[in-house]
């Protein structure tokens, strides 16, 4: 495999990884997403808890994971009792989630950097012809990504609980802190199954919305660039012959 092909594939794969993690970040840390969800499913009324306790708890949790705060200290009124927002087991789990996101964040940053470096390398080596290689790399990456997305999307659609359980066993191997009890763990109240299914759906929606025009541009470029480059080469040859 020549260097152009390697850089092309690198560009496509790292672009898609960076896009996916960027979409995850834009949804997971969006406070408005949770406010809209709680209102839509009437969670405060359903669980007999105040809206302020719900909002403060979920914002505390997402801000902790994102690194905007260093603790999960707070209180709520739940089941007619004032108690700490999260217990020891929940705090341990959120520390694991925070570590996971920190790693994912750096994967996202490094992926964007490698993606840009690959693009610069191709354009520096081949100039305008490098655009064709970039588009080909994106199409190759999209093809691989589409297979994975269809597989997990279908699994999510027919058995979300099974998919979500598998996901947790993969990212938290040998650790069962994520397995919460609705009778004792408040975190499962503010993170109902509807939240995760809506989150996955919105991330996929944003990702597809961002990739659709990119895919269209790639297809268009693959059709037009070779023609343009051929004409350009002919004109260059004529000028040199004169």
C-alpha atoms as a PDB file:
ATOM      1  CA  UNK A   1       0.000   0.000   0.000  1.00  0.00           C
ATOM      2  CA  UNK A   2       1.553   3.322  -1.071  1.00  0.00           C
ATOM      3  CA  UNK A   3       1.818   6.404   1.121  1.00  0.00           C
ATOM      4  CA  UNK A   4      -1.058   8.188  -0.608  1.00  0.00           C
ATOM      5  CA  UNK A   5      -3.384   5.293   0.120  1.00  0.00           C
ATOM      6  CA  UNK A   6      -2.272   5.143   3.772  1.00  0.00           C
ATOM      7  CA  UNK A   7      -2.795   8.877   4.276  1.00  0.00           C
ATOM      8  CA  UNK A   8      -6.139   8.707   2.503  1.00  0.00           C
ATOM      9  CA  UNK A   9      -7.429   5.904   4.715  1.00  0.00           C
ATOM     10  CA  UNK A  10      -6.005   7.588   7.824  1.00  0.00           C
ATOM     11  CA  UNK A  11      -7.847  10.776   6.950  1.00  0.00           C
ATOM     12  CA  UNK A  12     -11.170   8.981   6.455  1.00  0.00           C
ATOM     13  CA  UNK A  13     -11.029   6.865   9.626  1.00  0.00           C
ATOM     14  CA  UNK A  14      -9.811   9.591  11.975  1.00  0.00           C
ATOM     15  CA  UNK A  15     -12.285  12.081  10.533  1.00  0.00           C
ATOM     16  CA  UNK A  16     -15.166   9.715  11.329  1.00  0.00           C
ATOM     17  CA  UNK A  17     -13.889   8.926  14.844  1.00  0.00           C
ATOM     18  CA  UNK A  18     -13.485  12.633  15.582  1.00  0.00           C
ATOM     19  CA  UNK A  19     -16.946  13.401  14.192  1.00  0.00           C
ATOM     20  CA  UNK A  20     -18.572  10.659  16.266  1.00  0.00           C
ATOM     21  CA  UNK A  21     -16.973  11.738  19.536  1.00  0.00           C
ATOM     22  CA  UNK A  22     -17.735  15.395  18.791  1.00  0.00           C
ATOM     23  CA  UNK A  23     -21.410  14.481  18.346  1.00  0.00           C
ATOM     24  CA  UNK A  24     -21.337  12.503  21.604  1.00  0.00           C
ATOM     25  CA  UNK A  25     -19.903  15.514  23.431  1.00  0.00           C
ATOM     26  CA  UNK A  26     -22.466  17.915  21.930  1.00  0.00           C
ATOM     27  CA  UNK A  27     -25.354  15.769  23.201  1.00  0.00           C
ATOM     28  CA  UNK A  28     -24.127  14.352  26.507  1.00  0.00           C
ATOM     29  CA  UNK A  29     -23.011  17.724  27.911  1.00  0.00           C
ATOM     30  CA  UNK A  30     -25.960  19.737  26.609  1.00  0.00           C
ATOM     31  CA  UNK A  31     -28.035  20.771  29.641  1.00  0.00           C
ATOM     32  CA  UNK A  32     -31.013  21.635  27.474  1.00  0.00           C
ATOM     33  CA  UNK A  33     -31.209  18.028  26.278  1.00  0.00           C
ATOM     34  CA  UNK A  34     -31.997  16.870  29.815  1.00  0.00           C
ATOM     35  CA  UNK A  35     -34.456  19.670  30.510  1.00  0.00           C
ATOM     36  CA  UNK A  36     -36.408  18.848  27.355  1.00  0.00           C
ATOM     37  CA  UNK A  37     -36.327  15.122  28.099  1.00  0.00           C
ATOM     38  CA  UNK A  38     -37.530  15.462  31.697  1.00  0.00           C
ATOM     39  CA  UNK A  39     -40.370  17.694  30.596  1.00  0.00           C
ATOM     40  CA  UNK A  40     -41.357  15.354  27.771  1.00  0.00           C
ATOM     41  CA  UNK A  41     -41.517  12.234  29.952  1.00  0.00           C
ATOM     42  CA  UNK A  42     -42.867  14.116  33.026  1.00  0.00           C
ATOM     43  CA  UNK A  43     -40.107  12.655  35.187  1.00  0.00           C
ATOM     44  CA  UNK A  44     -40.595  14.984  38.162  1.00  0.00           C
ATOM     45  CA  UNK A  45     -44.267  14.026  38.488  1.00  0.00           C
ATOM     46  CA  UNK A  46     -43.571  10.373  37.783  1.00  0.00           C
ATOM     47  CA  UNK A  47     -40.928  10.062  40.508  1.00  0.00           C
ATOM     48  CA  UNK A  48     -42.504  12.563  42.945  1.00  0.00           C
ATOM     49  CA  UNK A  49     -39.387  14.722  43.103  1.00  0.00           C
ATOM     50  CA  UNK A  50     -38.881  18.420  42.494  1.00  0.00           C
ATOM     51  CA  UNK A  51     -37.736  19.651  39.101  1.00  0.00           C
ATOM     52  CA  UNK A  52     -34.914  21.608  40.735  1.00  0.00           C
ATOM     53  CA  UNK A  53     -33.535  18.464  42.391  1.00  0.00           C
ATOM     54  CA  UNK A  54     -33.666  16.634  39.067  1.00  0.00           C
ATOM     55  CA  UNK A  55     -31.942  19.434  37.180  1.00  0.00           C
ATOM     56  CA  UNK A  56     -29.286  20.115  39.808  1.00  0.00           C
ATOM     57  CA  UNK A  57     -28.468  16.410  40.081  1.00  0.00           C
ATOM     58  CA  UNK A  58     -28.051  15.722  36.365  1.00  0.00           C
ATOM     59  CA  UNK A  59     -26.077  18.938  35.827  1.00  0.00           C
ATOM     60  CA  UNK A  60     -23.822  18.050  38.749  1.00  0.00           C
ATOM     61  CA  UNK A  61     -23.222  14.641  37.187  1.00  0.00           C
ATOM     62  CA  UNK A  62     -22.508  15.829  33.636  1.00  0.00           C
ATOM     63  CA  UNK A  63     -20.320  18.711  34.836  1.00  0.00           C
ATOM     64  CA  UNK A  64     -18.315  16.254  36.944  1.00  0.00           C
ATOM     65  CA  UNK A  65     -17.785  13.928  33.983  1.00  0.00           C
ATOM     66  CA  UNK A  66     -16.821  16.853  31.731  1.00  0.00           C
ATOM     67  CA  UNK A  67     -14.310  18.071  34.323  1.00  0.00           C
ATOM     68  CA  UNK A  68     -16.077  21.308  35.257  1.00  0.00           C
ATOM     69  CA  UNK A  69     -16.328  20.298  38.921  1.00  0.00           C
ATOM     70  CA  UNK A  70     -14.303  18.024  41.193  1.00  0.00           C
ATOM     71  CA  UNK A  71     -16.959  16.442  43.404  1.00  0.00           C
ATOM     72  CA  UNK A  72     -20.477  15.065  43.496  1.00  0.00           C
ATOM     73  CA  UNK A  73     -21.465  16.595  46.819  1.00  0.00           C
ATOM     74  CA  UNK A  74     -25.087  17.665  47.082  1.00  0.00           C
ATOM     75  CA  UNK A  75     -28.393  16.840  48.707  1.00  0.00           C
ATOM     76  CA  UNK A  76     -31.859  15.954  47.454  1.00  0.00           C
ATOM     77  CA  UNK A  77     -35.268  15.274  48.913  1.00  0.00           C
ATOM     78  CA  UNK A  78     -36.214  11.776  47.778  1.00  0.00           C
ATOM     79  CA  UNK A  79     -38.879   9.522  49.267  1.00  0.00           C
ATOM     80  CA  UNK A  80     -39.627  12.296  51.771  1.00  0.00           C
ATOM     81  CA  UNK A  81     -36.087  12.255  53.099  1.00  0.00           C
ATOM     82  CA  UNK A  82     -33.188  14.656  52.689  1.00  0.00           C
ATOM     83  CA  UNK A  83     -30.149  12.639  51.651  1.00  0.00           C
ATOM     84  CA  UNK A  84     -26.887  12.895  49.697  1.00  0.00           C
ATOM     85  CA  UNK A  85     -27.543  13.102  45.977  1.00  0.00           C
ATOM     86  CA  UNK A  86     -25.329  10.135  45.178  1.00  0.00           C
ATOM     87  CA  UNK A  87     -24.173   7.223  47.331  1.00  0.00           C
ATOM     88  CA  UNK A  88     -20.716   5.654  47.427  1.00  0.00           C
ATOM     89  CA  UNK A  89     -21.443   3.143  44.679  1.00  0.00           C
ATOM     90  CA  UNK A  90     -22.791   5.821  42.343  1.00  0.00           C
ATOM     91  CA  UNK A  91     -19.800   8.087  42.981  1.00  0.00           C
ATOM     92  CA  UNK A  92     -17.407   5.217  42.187  1.00  0.00           C
ATOM     93  CA  UNK A  93     -19.246   4.595  38.939  1.00  0.00           C
ATOM     94  CA  UNK A  94     -19.177   8.255  37.929  1.00  0.00           C
ATOM     95  CA  UNK A  95     -15.429   8.371  38.590  1.00  0.00           C
ATOM     96  CA  UNK A  96     -15.092   5.474  36.136  1.00  0.00           C
ATOM     97  CA  UNK A  97     -17.286   7.328  33.625  1.00  0.00           C
ATOM     98  CA  UNK A  98     -15.202  10.483  34.042  1.00  0.00           C
ATOM     99  CA  UNK A  99     -12.003   8.524  33.373  1.00  0.00           C
ATOM    100  CA  UNK A 100     -13.624   6.929  30.319  1.00  0.00           C
ATOM    101  CA  UNK A 101     -14.674  10.314  28.929  1.00  0.00           C
ATOM    102  CA  UNK A 102     -11.232  11.838  29.548  1.00  0.00           C
ATOM    103  CA  UNK A 103      -9.725   9.085  27.419  1.00  0.00           C
ATOM    104  CA  UNK A 104     -12.407   9.510  24.763  1.00  0.00           C
ATOM    105  CA  UNK A 105     -11.802  13.264  24.756  1.00  0.00           C
ATOM    106  CA  UNK A 106      -8.133  12.816  23.982  1.00  0.00           C
ATOM    107  CA  UNK A 107      -8.960  10.237  21.322  1.00  0.00           C
ATOM    108  CA  UNK A 108     -11.215  12.904  19.761  1.00  0.00           C
ATOM    109  CA  UNK A 109      -8.522  15.600  19.907  1.00  0.00           C
ATOM    110  CA  UNK A 110      -5.786  13.321  18.551  1.00  0.00           C
ATOM    111  CA  UNK A 111      -8.122  12.067  15.805  1.00  0.00           C
ATOM    112  CA  UNK A 112      -8.770  15.635  14.624  1.00  0.00           C
ATOM    113  CA  UNK A 113      -5.024  16.336  14.649  1.00  0.00           C
ATOM    114  CA  UNK A 114      -4.158  13.166  12.704  1.00  0.00           C
ATOM    115  CA  UNK A 115      -6.995  13.875  10.291  1.00  0.00           C
ATOM    116  CA  UNK A 116      -5.647  17.375   9.584  1.00  0.00           C
ATOM    117  CA  UNK A 117      -2.065  16.125   9.268  1.00  0.00           C
ATOM    118  CA  UNK A 118      -3.139  13.456   6.777  1.00  0.00           C
ATOM    119  CA  UNK A 119      -4.982  16.073   4.722  1.00  0.00           C
ATOM    120  CA  UNK A 120      -1.954  18.397   4.741  1.00  0.00           C
ATOM    121  CA  UNK A 121       0.304  15.501   3.767  1.00  0.00           C
ATOM    122  CA  UNK A 122      -1.854  14.500   0.807  1.00  0.00           C
ATOM    123  CA  UNK A 123      -2.293  18.056  -0.432  1.00  0.00           C
ATOM    124  CA  UNK A 124       1.419  18.774  -0.052  1.00  0.00           C
ATOM    125  CA  UNK A 125       2.368  15.637  -1.990  1.00  0.00           C
ATOM    126  CA  UNK A 126      -0.238  15.826  -4.744  1.00  0.00           C
ATOM    127  CA  UNK A 127      -1.642  19.365  -4.572  1.00  0.00           C
ATOM    128  CA  UNK A 128      -5.076  19.427  -6.226  1.00  0.00           C
ATOM    129  CA  UNK A 129      -4.947  15.723  -7.011  1.00  0.00           C
ATOM    130  CA  UNK A 130      -4.686  15.168  -3.256  1.00  0.00           C
ATOM    131  CA  UNK A 131      -8.320  16.256  -2.954  1.00  0.00           C
ATOM    132  CA  UNK A 132      -9.320  13.149  -4.851  1.00  0.00           C
ATOM    133  CA  UNK A 133      -7.387  10.997  -2.388  1.00  0.00           C
ATOM    134  CA  UNK A 134      -9.080  12.787   0.526  1.00  0.00           C
ATOM    135  CA  UNK A 135     -12.511  12.131  -0.923  1.00  0.00           C
ATOM    136  CA  UNK A 136     -11.643   8.495  -1.583  1.00  0.00           C
ATOM    137  CA  UNK A 137     -10.457   8.097   2.001  1.00  0.00           C
ATOM    138  CA  UNK A 138     -13.691   9.535   3.328  1.00  0.00           C
ATOM    139  CA  UNK A 139     -15.755   7.202   1.155  1.00  0.00           C
ATOM    140  CA  UNK A 140     -13.729   4.191   2.299  1.00  0.00           C
ATOM    141  CA  UNK A 141     -14.155   5.256   5.911  1.00  0.00           C
ATOM    142  CA  UNK A 142     -17.865   5.881   5.434  1.00  0.00           C
ATOM    143  CA  UNK A 143     -18.321   2.430   3.949  1.00  0.00           C
ATOM    144  CA  UNK A 144     -16.677   0.781   6.964  1.00  0.00           C
ATOM    145  CA  UNK A 145     -18.533   3.033   9.366  1.00  0.00           C
ATOM    146  CA  UNK A 146     -21.898   2.386   7.704  1.00  0.00           C
ATOM    147  CA  UNK A 147     -21.579  -1.356   8.290  1.00  0.00           C
ATOM    148  CA  UNK A 148     -20.850  -0.817  11.993  1.00  0.00           C
ATOM    149  CA  UNK A 149     -23.599   1.802  12.369  1.00  0.00           C
ATOM    150  CA  UNK A 150     -26.235  -0.373  10.710  1.00  0.00           C
ATOM    151  CA  UNK A 151     -25.310  -3.352  12.894  1.00  0.00           C
ATOM    152  CA  UNK A 152     -25.443  -1.481  16.202  1.00  0.00           C
ATOM    153  CA  UNK A 153     -28.386   0.635  15.079  1.00  0.00           C
ATOM    154  CA  UNK A 154     -30.416  -2.483  14.361  1.00  0.00           C
ATOM    155  CA  UNK A 155     -29.409  -3.986  17.717  1.00  0.00           C
ATOM    156  CA  UNK A 156     -30.367  -0.752  19.481  1.00  0.00           C
ATOM    157  CA  UNK A 157     -33.746  -0.749  17.739  1.00  0.00           C
ATOM    158  CA  UNK A 158     -34.756  -4.337  18.536  1.00  0.00           C
ATOM    159  CA  UNK A 159     -33.164  -4.726  21.989  1.00  0.00           C
ATOM    160  CA  UNK A 160     -31.932  -1.493  23.532  1.00  0.00           C
ATOM    161  CA  UNK A 161     -31.594  -2.994  27.037  1.00  0.00           C
ATOM    162  CA  UNK A 162     -29.430  -5.820  25.717  1.00  0.00           C
ATOM    163  CA  UNK A 163     -27.307  -3.398  23.708  1.00  0.00           C
ATOM    164  CA  UNK A 164     -26.840  -1.066  26.673  1.00  0.00           C
ATOM    165  CA  UNK A 165     -25.914  -3.936  29.002  1.00  0.00           C
ATOM    166  CA  UNK A 166     -23.341  -5.239  26.514  1.00  0.00           C
ATOM    167  CA  UNK A 167     -21.881  -1.737  26.125  1.00  0.00           C
ATOM    168  CA  UNK A 168     -21.356  -1.380  29.880  1.00  0.00           C
ATOM    169  CA  UNK A 169     -19.741  -4.812  30.218  1.00  0.00           C
ATOM    170  CA  UNK A 170     -17.295  -3.844  27.458  1.00  0.00           C
ATOM    171  CA  UNK A 171     -16.302  -0.384  28.762  1.00  0.00           C
ATOM    172  CA  UNK A 172     -16.382  -1.394  32.461  1.00  0.00           C
ATOM    173  CA  UNK A 173     -15.040  -4.977  32.430  1.00  0.00           C
ATOM    174  CA  UNK A 174     -15.268  -6.755  35.770  1.00  0.00           C
ATOM    175  CA  UNK A 175     -16.947  -3.729  37.368  1.00  0.00           C
ATOM    176  CA  UNK A 176     -20.629  -3.944  38.312  1.00  0.00           C
ATOM    177  CA  UNK A 177     -20.981  -0.468  39.846  1.00  0.00           C
ATOM    178  CA  UNK A 178     -22.990   0.532  36.769  1.00  0.00           C
ATOM    179  CA  UNK A 179     -25.712  -1.961  37.698  1.00  0.00           C
ATOM    180  CA  UNK A 180     -27.944   0.307  39.809  1.00  0.00           C
ATOM    181  CA  UNK A 181     -30.971  -0.397  41.987  1.00  0.00           C
ATOM    182  CA  UNK A 182     -33.957   1.956  41.498  1.00  0.00           C
ATOM    183  CA  UNK A 183     -34.930   1.389  45.124  1.00  0.00           C
ATOM    184  CA  UNK A 184     -31.681   2.760  46.548  1.00  0.00           C
ATOM    185  CA  UNK A 185     -29.736   4.535  43.781  1.00  0.00           C
ATOM    186  CA  UNK A 186     -31.003   7.969  42.783  1.00  0.00           C
ATOM    187  CA  UNK A 187     -28.835   8.027  39.679  1.00  0.00           C
ATOM    188  CA  UNK A 188     -31.130   5.555  37.965  1.00  0.00           C
ATOM    189  CA  UNK A 189     -34.006   7.984  38.557  1.00  0.00           C
ATOM    190  CA  UNK A 190     -32.318  10.874  36.746  1.00  0.00           C
ATOM    191  CA  UNK A 191     -30.969   8.508  34.071  1.00  0.00           C
ATOM    192  CA  UNK A 192     -34.019   6.520  32.929  1.00  0.00           C
ATOM    193  CA  UNK A 193     -33.846   4.213  29.926  1.00  0.00           C
ATOM    194  CA  UNK A 194     -35.669   6.862  27.869  1.00  0.00           C
ATOM    195  CA  UNK A 195     -32.682   9.154  28.390  1.00  0.00           C
ATOM    196  CA  UNK A 196     -30.163   6.711  26.973  1.00  0.00           C
ATOM    197  CA  UNK A 197     -32.307   5.687  24.021  1.00  0.00           C
ATOM    198  CA  UNK A 198     -33.008   9.356  23.195  1.00  0.00           C
ATOM    199  CA  UNK A 199     -29.322  10.149  23.594  1.00  0.00           C
ATOM    200  CA  UNK A 200     -28.207   7.401  21.210  1.00  0.00           C
ATOM    201  CA  UNK A 201     -30.856   8.432  18.684  1.00  0.00           C
ATOM    202  CA  UNK A 202     -29.865  12.120  18.811  1.00  0.00           C
ATOM    203  CA  UNK A 203     -26.155  11.340  18.498  1.00  0.00           C
ATOM    204  CA  UNK A 204     -26.854   9.162  15.455  1.00  0.00           C
ATOM    205  CA  UNK A 205     -29.103  11.865  13.991  1.00  0.00           C
ATOM    206  CA  UNK A 206     -26.441  14.557  14.404  1.00  0.00           C
ATOM    207  CA  UNK A 207     -23.763  12.306  13.007  1.00  0.00           C
ATOM    208  CA  UNK A 208     -25.784  11.385   9.935  1.00  0.00           C
ATOM    209  CA  UNK A 209     -26.756  15.031   9.390  1.00  0.00           C
ATOM    210  CA  UNK A 210     -23.082  15.962   9.398  1.00  0.00           C
ATOM    211  CA  UNK A 211     -21.916  13.054   7.245  1.00  0.00           C
ATOM    212  CA  UNK A 212     -24.649  13.218   4.587  1.00  0.00           C
ATOM    213  CA  UNK A 213     -23.361  16.428   2.918  1.00  0.00           C
ATOM    214  CA  UNK A 214     -19.792  15.177   3.291  1.00  0.00           C
ATOM    215  CA  UNK A 215     -20.689  11.945   1.499  1.00  0.00           C
ATOM    216  CA  UNK A 216     -22.459  13.919  -1.227  1.00  0.00           C
ATOM    217  CA  UNK A 217     -19.406  16.144  -1.679  1.00  0.00           C
ATOM    218  CA  UNK A 218     -17.171  13.082  -1.875  1.00  0.00           C
ATOM    219  CA  UNK A 219     -19.272  11.468  -4.591  1.00  0.00           C
ATOM    220  CA  UNK A 220     -19.412  14.711  -6.558  1.00  0.00           C
ATOM    221  CA  UNK A 221     -15.665  15.249  -6.208  1.00  0.00           C
ATOM    222  CA  UNK A 222     -14.866  11.730  -7.366  1.00  0.00           C
ATOM    223  CA  UNK A 223     -16.849  12.324 -10.528  1.00  0.00           C
ATOM    224  CA  UNK A 224     -15.634  15.827 -11.334  1.00  0.00           C
ATOM    225  CA  UNK A 225     -12.047  15.987 -10.086  1.00  0.00           C
ATOM    226  CA  UNK A 226     -10.600  13.395 -12.518  1.00  0.00           C
ATOM    227  CA  UNK A 227     -12.168  15.278 -15.443  1.00  0.00           C
ATOM    228  CA  UNK A 228     -10.856  18.614 -14.171  1.00  0.00           C
ATOM    229  CA  UNK A 229      -7.387  17.216 -13.521  1.00  0.00           C
ATOM    230  CA  UNK A 230      -7.265  15.637 -16.970  1.00  0.00           C
ATOM    231  CA  UNK A 231      -8.177  18.939 -18.619  1.00  0.00           C
ATOM    232  CA  UNK A 232      -5.716  20.772 -16.387  1.00  0.00           C
ATOM    233  CA  UNK A 233      -2.910  18.389 -17.358  1.00  0.00           C
ATOM    234  CA  UNK A 234      -3.681  18.805 -21.057  1.00  0.00           C
ATOM    235  CA  UNK A 235      -3.590  22.586 -20.761  1.00  0.00           C
ATOM    236  CA  UNK A 236      -0.310  22.394 -18.847  1.00  0.00           C
ATOM    237  CA  UNK A 237       1.215  20.151 -21.535  1.00  0.00           C
ATOM    238  CA  UNK A 238       0.133  22.594 -24.261  1.00  0.00           C
ATOM    239  CA  UNK A 239       1.719  25.512 -22.415  1.00  0.00           C
ATOM    240  CA  UNK A 240       4.952  23.600 -21.960  1.00  0.00           C
ATOM    241  CA  UNK A 241       5.057  22.596 -25.625  1.00  0.00           C
ATOM    242  CA  UNK A 242       4.670  26.241 -26.657  1.00  0.00           C
END
